[in-house]
Amino acid sequence: MEKKKFFKWLKSTIIRALKTMVQTTIASIGTTSIVMSEFHWGFVLSTAGMAGIISLLMSFENLPENEE
């Protein structure tokens, strides 16, 4: 795998994971404040973190070396 392709893949993977984490955070904030009487940052951050990890793991399905 070429370094250029790897860094392009890595950059897009990190951006995708961050976008997923932000979307999950927004959804969790809305869900937490509606369902529970108090807002729990621990729940929101753990949910967003897990979504980011899953996004990173799913990115291995689209490795640049598989595109050839």
PDB file of N, CA and C in Angstrom:
ATOM      1  N   MET A   1       0.851  -1.167   0.000  1.00  0.00           N
ATOM      2  CA  MET A   1       0.000   0.000   0.000  1.00  0.00           C
ATOM      3  C   MET A   1       0.901   1.236   0.000  1.00  0.00           C
ATOM      4  N   GLU A   2       0.593   2.162  -0.848  1.00  0.00           N
ATOM      5  CA  GLU A   2       1.365   3.390  -0.927  1.00  0.00           C
ATOM      6  C   GLU A   2       1.050   4.296   0.256  1.00  0.00           C
ATOM      7  N   LYS A   3       2.058   5.068   0.660  1.00  0.00           N
ATOM      8  CA  LYS A   3       1.860   5.971   1.793  1.00  0.00           C
ATOM      9  C   LYS A   3       0.782   6.995   1.494  1.00  0.00           C
ATOM     10  N   LYS A   4       0.763   7.503   0.279  1.00  0.00           N
ATOM     11  CA  LYS A   4      -0.210   8.536  -0.086  1.00  0.00           C
ATOM     12  C   LYS A   4      -1.645   8.012   0.034  1.00  0.00           C
ATOM     13  N   LYS A   5      -1.865   6.804  -0.473  1.00  0.00           N
ATOM     14  CA  LYS A   5      -3.203   6.201  -0.378  1.00  0.00           C
ATOM     15  C   LYS A   5      -3.571   5.917   1.069  1.00  0.00           C
ATOM     16  N   PHE A   6      -2.578   5.437   1.846  1.00  0.00           N
ATOM     17  CA  PHE A   6      -2.843   5.123   3.239  1.00  0.00           C
ATOM     18  C   PHE A   6      -3.249   6.370   4.021  1.00  0.00           C
ATOM     19  N   PHE A   7      -2.524   7.470   3.842  1.00  0.00           N
ATOM     20  CA  PHE A   7      -2.846   8.689   4.580  1.00  0.00           C
ATOM     21  C   PHE A   7      -4.168   9.298   4.129  1.00  0.00           C
ATOM     22  N   LYS A   8      -4.498   9.146   2.847  1.00  0.00           N
ATOM     23  CA  LYS A   8      -5.806   9.605   2.367  1.00  0.00           C
ATOM     24  C   LYS A   8      -6.912   8.783   3.012  1.00  0.00           C
ATOM     25  N   TRP A   9      -6.711   7.456   3.068  1.00  0.00           N
ATOM     26  CA  TRP A   9      -7.689   6.578   3.713  1.00  0.00           C
ATOM     27  C   TRP A   9      -7.811   6.894   5.198  1.00  0.00           C
ATOM     28  N   LEU A  10      -6.663   7.088   5.861  1.00  0.00           N
ATOM     29  CA  LEU A  10      -6.664   7.380   7.296  1.00  0.00           C
ATOM     30  C   LEU A  10      -7.386   8.689   7.594  1.00  0.00           C
ATOM     31  N   LYS A  11      -7.130   9.711   6.791  1.00  0.00           N
ATOM     32  CA  LYS A  11      -7.787  11.007   6.985  1.00  0.00           C
ATOM     33  C   LYS A  11      -9.303  10.874   6.821  1.00  0.00           C
ATOM     34  N   SER A  12      -9.747  10.198   5.772  1.00  0.00           N
ATOM     35  CA  SER A  12     -11.192  10.056   5.557  1.00  0.00           C
ATOM     36  C   SER A  12     -11.832   9.181   6.631  1.00  0.00           C
ATOM     37  N   THR A  13     -11.090   8.197   7.134  1.00  0.00           N
ATOM     38  CA  THR A  13     -11.600   7.338   8.205  1.00  0.00           C
ATOM     39  C   THR A  13     -11.794   8.120   9.490  1.00  0.00           C
ATOM     40  N   ILE A  14     -10.824   8.949   9.838  1.00  0.00           N
ATOM     41  CA  ILE A  14     -10.923   9.762  11.058  1.00  0.00           C
ATOM     42  C   ILE A  14     -12.047  10.776  10.940  1.00  0.00           C
ATOM     43  N   ILE A  15     -12.169  11.404   9.782  1.00  0.00           N
ATOM     44  CA  ILE A  15     -13.252  12.377   9.574  1.00  0.00           C
ATOM     45  C   ILE A  15     -14.615  11.690   9.690  1.00  0.00           C
ATOM     46  N   ARG A  16     -14.740  10.509   9.095  1.00  0.00           N
ATOM     47  CA  ARG A  16     -15.998   9.758   9.173  1.00  0.00           C
ATOM     48  C   ARG A  16     -16.333   9.388  10.612  1.00  0.00           C
ATOM     49  N   ALA A  17     -15.329   8.958  11.365  1.00  0.00           N
ATOM     50  CA  ALA A  17     -15.550   8.581  12.763  1.00  0.00           C
ATOM     51  C   ALA A  17     -15.962   9.794  13.591  1.00  0.00           C
ATOM     52  N   LEU A  18     -15.319  10.934  13.360  1.00  0.00           N
ATOM     53  CA  LEU A  18     -15.683  12.146  14.103  1.00  0.00           C
ATOM     54  C   LEU A  18     -17.100  12.601  13.772  1.00  0.00           C
ATOM     55  N   LYS A  19     -17.470  12.537  12.502  1.00  0.00           N
ATOM     56  CA  LYS A  19     -18.838  12.901  12.111  1.00  0.00           C
ATOM     57  C   LYS A  19     -19.851  11.975  12.776  1.00  0.00           C
ATOM     58  N   THR A  20     -19.540  10.695  12.811  1.00  0.00           N
ATOM     59  CA  THR A  20     -20.426   9.727  13.463  1.00  0.00           C
ATOM     60  C   THR A  20     -20.566  10.034  14.947  1.00  0.00           C
ATOM     61  N   MET A  21     -19.445  10.380  15.589  1.00  0.00           N
ATOM     62  CA  MET A  21     -19.479  10.695  17.018  1.00  0.00           C
ATOM     63  C   MET A  21     -20.314  11.952  17.287  1.00  0.00           C
ATOM     64  N   VAL A  22     -20.186  12.960  16.442  1.00  0.00           N
ATOM     65  CA  VAL A  22     -20.972  14.188  16.626  1.00  0.00           C
ATOM     66  C   VAL A  22     -22.455  13.909  16.432  1.00  0.00           C
ATOM     67  N   GLN A  23     -22.793  13.148  15.404  1.00  0.00           N
ATOM     68  CA  GLN A  23     -24.195  12.814  15.163  1.00  0.00           C
ATOM     69  C   GLN A  23     -24.776  12.010  16.323  1.00  0.00           C
ATOM     70  N   THR A  24     -24.005  11.075  16.845  1.00  0.00           N
ATOM     71  CA  THR A  24     -24.464  10.269  17.970  1.00  0.00           C
ATOM     72  C   THR A  24     -24.610  11.109  19.226  1.00  0.00           C
ATOM     73  N   THR A  25     -23.691  12.055  19.434  1.00  0.00           N
ATOM     74  CA  THR A  25     -23.781  12.947  20.591  1.00  0.00           C
ATOM     75  C   THR A  25     -25.057  13.771  20.544  1.00  0.00           C
ATOM     76  N   ILE A  26     -25.351  14.326  19.383  1.00  0.00           N
ATOM     77  CA  ILE A  26     -26.567  15.137  19.239  1.00  0.00           C
ATOM     78  C   ILE A  26     -27.818  14.295  19.491  1.00  0.00           C
ATOM     79  N   ALA A  27     -27.841  13.086  18.927  1.00  0.00           N
ATOM     80  CA  ALA A  27     -28.995  12.212  19.141  1.00  0.00           C
ATOM     81  C   ALA A  27     -29.108  11.790  20.597  1.00  0.00           C
ATOM     82  N   SER A  28     -27.986  11.514  21.238  1.00  0.00           N
ATOM     83  CA  SER A  28     -28.004  11.092  22.643  1.00  0.00           C
ATOM     84  C   SER A  28     -28.441  12.211  23.567  1.00  0.00           C
ATOM     85  N   ILE A  29     -28.022  13.431  23.281  1.00  0.00           N
ATOM     86  CA  ILE A  29     -28.432  14.572  24.102  1.00  0.00           C
ATOM     87  C   ILE A  29     -29.946  14.719  24.050  1.00  0.00           C
ATOM     88  N   GLY A  30     -30.495  14.636  22.848  1.00  0.00           N
ATOM     89  CA  GLY A  30     -31.948  14.742  22.710  1.00  0.00           C
ATOM     90  C   GLY A  30     -32.669  13.607  23.399  1.00  0.00           C
ATOM     91  N   THR A  31     -32.176  12.402  23.235  1.00  0.00           N
ATOM     92  CA  THR A  31     -32.809  11.231  23.851  1.00  0.00           C
ATOM     93  C   THR A  31     -32.696  11.274  25.367  1.00  0.00           C
ATOM     94  N   THR A  32     -31.517  11.622  25.855  1.00  0.00           N
ATOM     95  CA  THR A  32     -31.296  11.645  27.299  1.00  0.00           C
ATOM     96  C   THR A  32     -32.162  12.692  27.976  1.00  0.00           C
ATOM     97  N   SER A  33     -32.261  13.867  27.381  1.00  0.00           N
ATOM     98  CA  SER A  33     -33.030  14.926  28.023  1.00  0.00           C
ATOM     99  C   SER A  33     -34.534  14.672  27.965  1.00  0.00           C
ATOM    100  N   ILE A  34     -34.991  13.908  26.984  1.00  0.00           N
ATOM    101  CA  ILE A  34     -36.425  13.613  26.881  1.00  0.00           C
ATOM    102  C   ILE A  34     -36.797  12.420  27.762  1.00  0.00           C
ATOM    103  N   VAL A  35     -36.011  11.346  27.700  1.00  0.00           N
ATOM    104  CA  VAL A  35     -36.349  10.108  28.399  1.00  0.00           C
ATOM    105  C   VAL A  35     -36.052  10.209  29.893  1.00  0.00           C
ATOM    106  N   MET A  36     -34.896  10.753  30.244  1.00  0.00           N
ATOM    107  CA  MET A  36     -34.513  10.829  31.649  1.00  0.00           C
ATOM    108  C   MET A  36     -34.773  12.233  32.193  1.00  0.00           C
ATOM    109  N   SER A  37     -34.993  12.331  33.467  1.00  0.00           N
ATOM    110  CA  SER A  37     -35.258  13.652  34.051  1.00  0.00           C
ATOM    111  C   SER A  37     -33.988  14.483  34.169  1.00  0.00           C
ATOM    112  N   GLU A  38     -32.827  13.816  34.190  1.00  0.00           N
ATOM    113  CA  GLU A  38     -31.555  14.522  34.274  1.00  0.00           C
ATOM    114  C   GLU A  38     -30.725  14.217  33.037  1.00  0.00           C
ATOM    115  N   PHE A  39     -29.787  15.107  32.771  1.00  0.00           N
ATOM    116  CA  PHE A  39     -28.898  14.932  31.636  1.00  0.00           C
ATOM    117  C   PHE A  39     -27.628  14.233  32.114  1.00  0.00           C
ATOM    118  N   HIS A  40     -27.261  13.131  31.482  1.00  0.00           N
ATOM    119  CA  HIS A  40     -26.102  12.348  31.911  1.00  0.00           C
ATOM    120  C   HIS A  40     -25.008  12.401  30.846  1.00  0.00           C
ATOM    121  N   TRP A  41     -23.935  13.147  31.137  1.00  0.00           N
ATOM    122  CA  TRP A  41     -22.814  13.247  30.200  1.00  0.00           C
ATOM    123  C   TRP A  41     -22.121  11.902  30.015  1.00  0.00           C
ATOM    124  N   GLY A  42     -22.068  11.108  31.068  1.00  0.00           N
ATOM    125  CA  GLY A  42     -21.423   9.802  30.964  1.00  0.00           C
ATOM    126  C   GLY A  42     -22.069   8.932  29.901  1.00  0.00           C
ATOM    127  N   PHE A  43     -23.387   8.912  29.889  1.00  0.00           N
ATOM    128  CA  PHE A  43     -24.119   8.137  28.885  1.00  0.00           C
ATOM    129  C   PHE A  43     -23.852   8.673  27.485  1.00  0.00           C
ATOM    130  N   VAL A  44     -23.906   9.984  27.342  1.00  0.00           N
ATOM    131  CA  VAL A  44     -23.715  10.611  26.027  1.00  0.00           C
ATOM    132  C   VAL A  44     -22.310  10.337  25.498  1.00  0.00           C
ATOM    133  N   LEU A  45     -21.304  10.544  26.340  1.00  0.00           N
ATOM    134  CA  LEU A  45     -19.922  10.366  25.893  1.00  0.00           C
ATOM    135  C   LEU A  45     -19.586   8.899  25.622  1.00  0.00           C
ATOM    136  N   SER A  46     -20.102   7.989  26.438  1.00  0.00           N
ATOM    137  CA  SER A  46     -19.821   6.573  26.190  1.00  0.00           C
ATOM    138  C   SER A  46     -20.516   6.092  24.920  1.00  0.00           C
ATOM    139  N   THR A  47     -21.711   6.580  24.662  1.00  0.00           N
ATOM    140  CA  THR A  47     -22.423   6.210  23.442  1.00  0.00           C
ATOM    141  C   THR A  47     -21.703   6.754  22.210  1.00  0.00           C
ATOM    142  N   ALA A  48     -21.269   8.006  22.271  1.00  0.00           N
ATOM    143  CA  ALA A  48     -20.543   8.611  21.147  1.00  0.00           C
ATOM    144  C   ALA A  48     -19.197   7.924  20.935  1.00  0.00           C
ATOM    145  N   GLY A  49     -18.521   7.591  22.010  1.00  0.00           N
ATOM    146  CA  GLY A  49     -17.244   6.897  21.892  1.00  0.00           C
ATOM    147  C   GLY A  49     -17.391   5.535  21.241  1.00  0.00           C
ATOM    148  N   MET A  50     -18.406   4.804  21.640  1.00  0.00           N
ATOM    149  CA  MET A  50     -18.645   3.490  21.055  1.00  0.00           C
ATOM    150  C   MET A  50     -18.998   3.621  19.568  1.00  0.00           C
ATOM    151  N   ALA A  51     -19.762   4.628  19.210  1.00  0.00           N
ATOM    152  CA  ALA A  51     -20.092   4.842  17.800  1.00  0.00           C
ATOM    153  C   ALA A  51     -18.832   5.153  16.995  1.00  0.00           C
ATOM    154  N   GLY A  52     -17.923   5.925  17.581  1.00  0.00           N
ATOM    155  CA  GLY A  52     -16.669   6.228  16.901  1.00  0.00           C
ATOM    156  C   GLY A  52     -15.811   4.994  16.703  1.00  0.00           C
ATOM    157  N   ILE A  53     -15.740   4.146  17.716  1.00  0.00           N
ATOM    158  CA  ILE A  53     -14.963   2.907  17.612  1.00  0.00           C
ATOM    159  C   ILE A  53     -15.555   1.989  16.547  1.00  0.00           C
ATOM    160  N   ILE A  54     -16.867   1.872  16.528  1.00  0.00           N
ATOM    161  CA  ILE A  54     -17.531   1.034  15.522  1.00  0.00           C
ATOM    162  C   ILE A  54     -17.273   1.588  14.123  1.00  0.00           C
ATOM    163  N   SER A  55     -17.317   2.911  13.980  1.00  0.00           N
ATOM    164  CA  SER A  55     -17.041   3.529  12.682  1.00  0.00           C
ATOM    165  C   SER A  55     -15.618   3.227  12.226  1.00  0.00           C
ATOM    166  N   LEU A  56     -14.660   3.321  13.151  1.00  0.00           N
ATOM    167  CA  LEU A  56     -13.276   2.999  12.799  1.00  0.00           C
ATOM    168  C   LEU A  56     -13.133   1.543  12.380  1.00  0.00           C
ATOM    169  N   LEU A  57     -13.759   0.645  13.118  1.00  0.00           N
ATOM    170  CA  LEU A  57     -13.674  -0.775  12.783  1.00  0.00           C
ATOM    171  C   LEU A  57     -14.338  -1.086  11.446  1.00  0.00           C
ATOM    172  N   MET A  58     -15.439  -0.431  11.163  1.00  0.00           N
ATOM    173  CA  MET A  58     -16.124  -0.648   9.890  1.00  0.00           C
ATOM    174  C   MET A  58     -15.308  -0.113   8.713  1.00  0.00           C
ATOM    175  N   SER A  59     -14.421   0.845   8.961  1.00  0.00           N
ATOM    176  CA  SER A  59     -13.597   1.406   7.896  1.00  0.00           C
ATOM    177  C   SER A  59     -12.571   0.405   7.380  1.00  0.00           C
ATOM    178  N   PHE A  60     -12.255  -0.612   8.148  1.00  0.00           N
ATOM    179  CA  PHE A  60     -11.308  -1.622   7.689  1.00  0.00           C
ATOM    180  C   PHE A  60     -11.888  -2.457   6.548  1.00  0.00           C
ATOM    181  N   GLU A  61     -13.192  -2.377   6.371  1.00  0.00           N
ATOM    182  CA  GLU A  61     -13.823  -3.070   5.262  1.00  0.00           C
ATOM    183  C   GLU A  61     -13.413  -2.443   3.931  1.00  0.00           C
ATOM    184  N   ASN A  62     -13.119  -1.144   3.939  1.00  0.00           N
ATOM    185  CA  ASN A  62     -12.793  -0.415   2.717  1.00  0.00           C
ATOM    186  C   ASN A  62     -11.319  -0.017   2.682  1.00  0.00           C
ATOM    187  N   LEU A  63     -10.435  -0.946   2.932  1.00  0.00           N
ATOM    188  CA  LEU A  63      -9.013  -0.649   2.881  1.00  0.00           C
ATOM    189  C   LEU A  63      -8.611  -0.285   1.449  1.00  0.00           C
ATOM    190  N   PRO A  64      -7.695   0.676   1.306  1.00  0.00           N
ATOM    191  CA  PRO A  64      -7.288   1.075  -0.055  1.00  0.00           C
ATOM    192  C   PRO A  64      -6.724  -0.078  -0.878  1.00  0.00           C
ATOM    193  N   GLU A  65      -6.076  -1.037  -0.246  1.00  0.00           N
ATOM    194  CA  GLU A  65      -5.504  -2.145  -1.002  1.00  0.00           C
ATOM    195  C   GLU A  65      -6.569  -3.049  -1.600  1.00  0.00           C
ATOM    196  N   ASN A  66      -7.793  -2.976  -1.089  1.00  0.00           N
ATOM    197  CA  ASN A  66      -8.884  -3.789  -1.624  1.00  0.00           C
ATOM    198  C   ASN A  66      -9.534  -3.171  -2.855  1.00  0.00           C
ATOM    199  N   GLU A  67      -9.209  -1.910  -3.139  1.00  0.00           N
ATOM    200  CA  GLU A  67      -9.835  -1.217  -4.274  1.00  0.00           C
ATOM    201  C   GLU A  67      -9.192  -1.584  -5.605  1.00  0.00           C
ATOM    202  N   GLU A  68      -8.059  -2.215  -5.587  1.00  0.00           N
ATOM    203  CA  GLU A  68      -7.349  -2.538  -6.827  1.00  0.00           C
ATOM    204  C   GLU A  68      -7.905  -3.746  -7.520  1.00  0.00           C
TER     205      GLU A  68
END
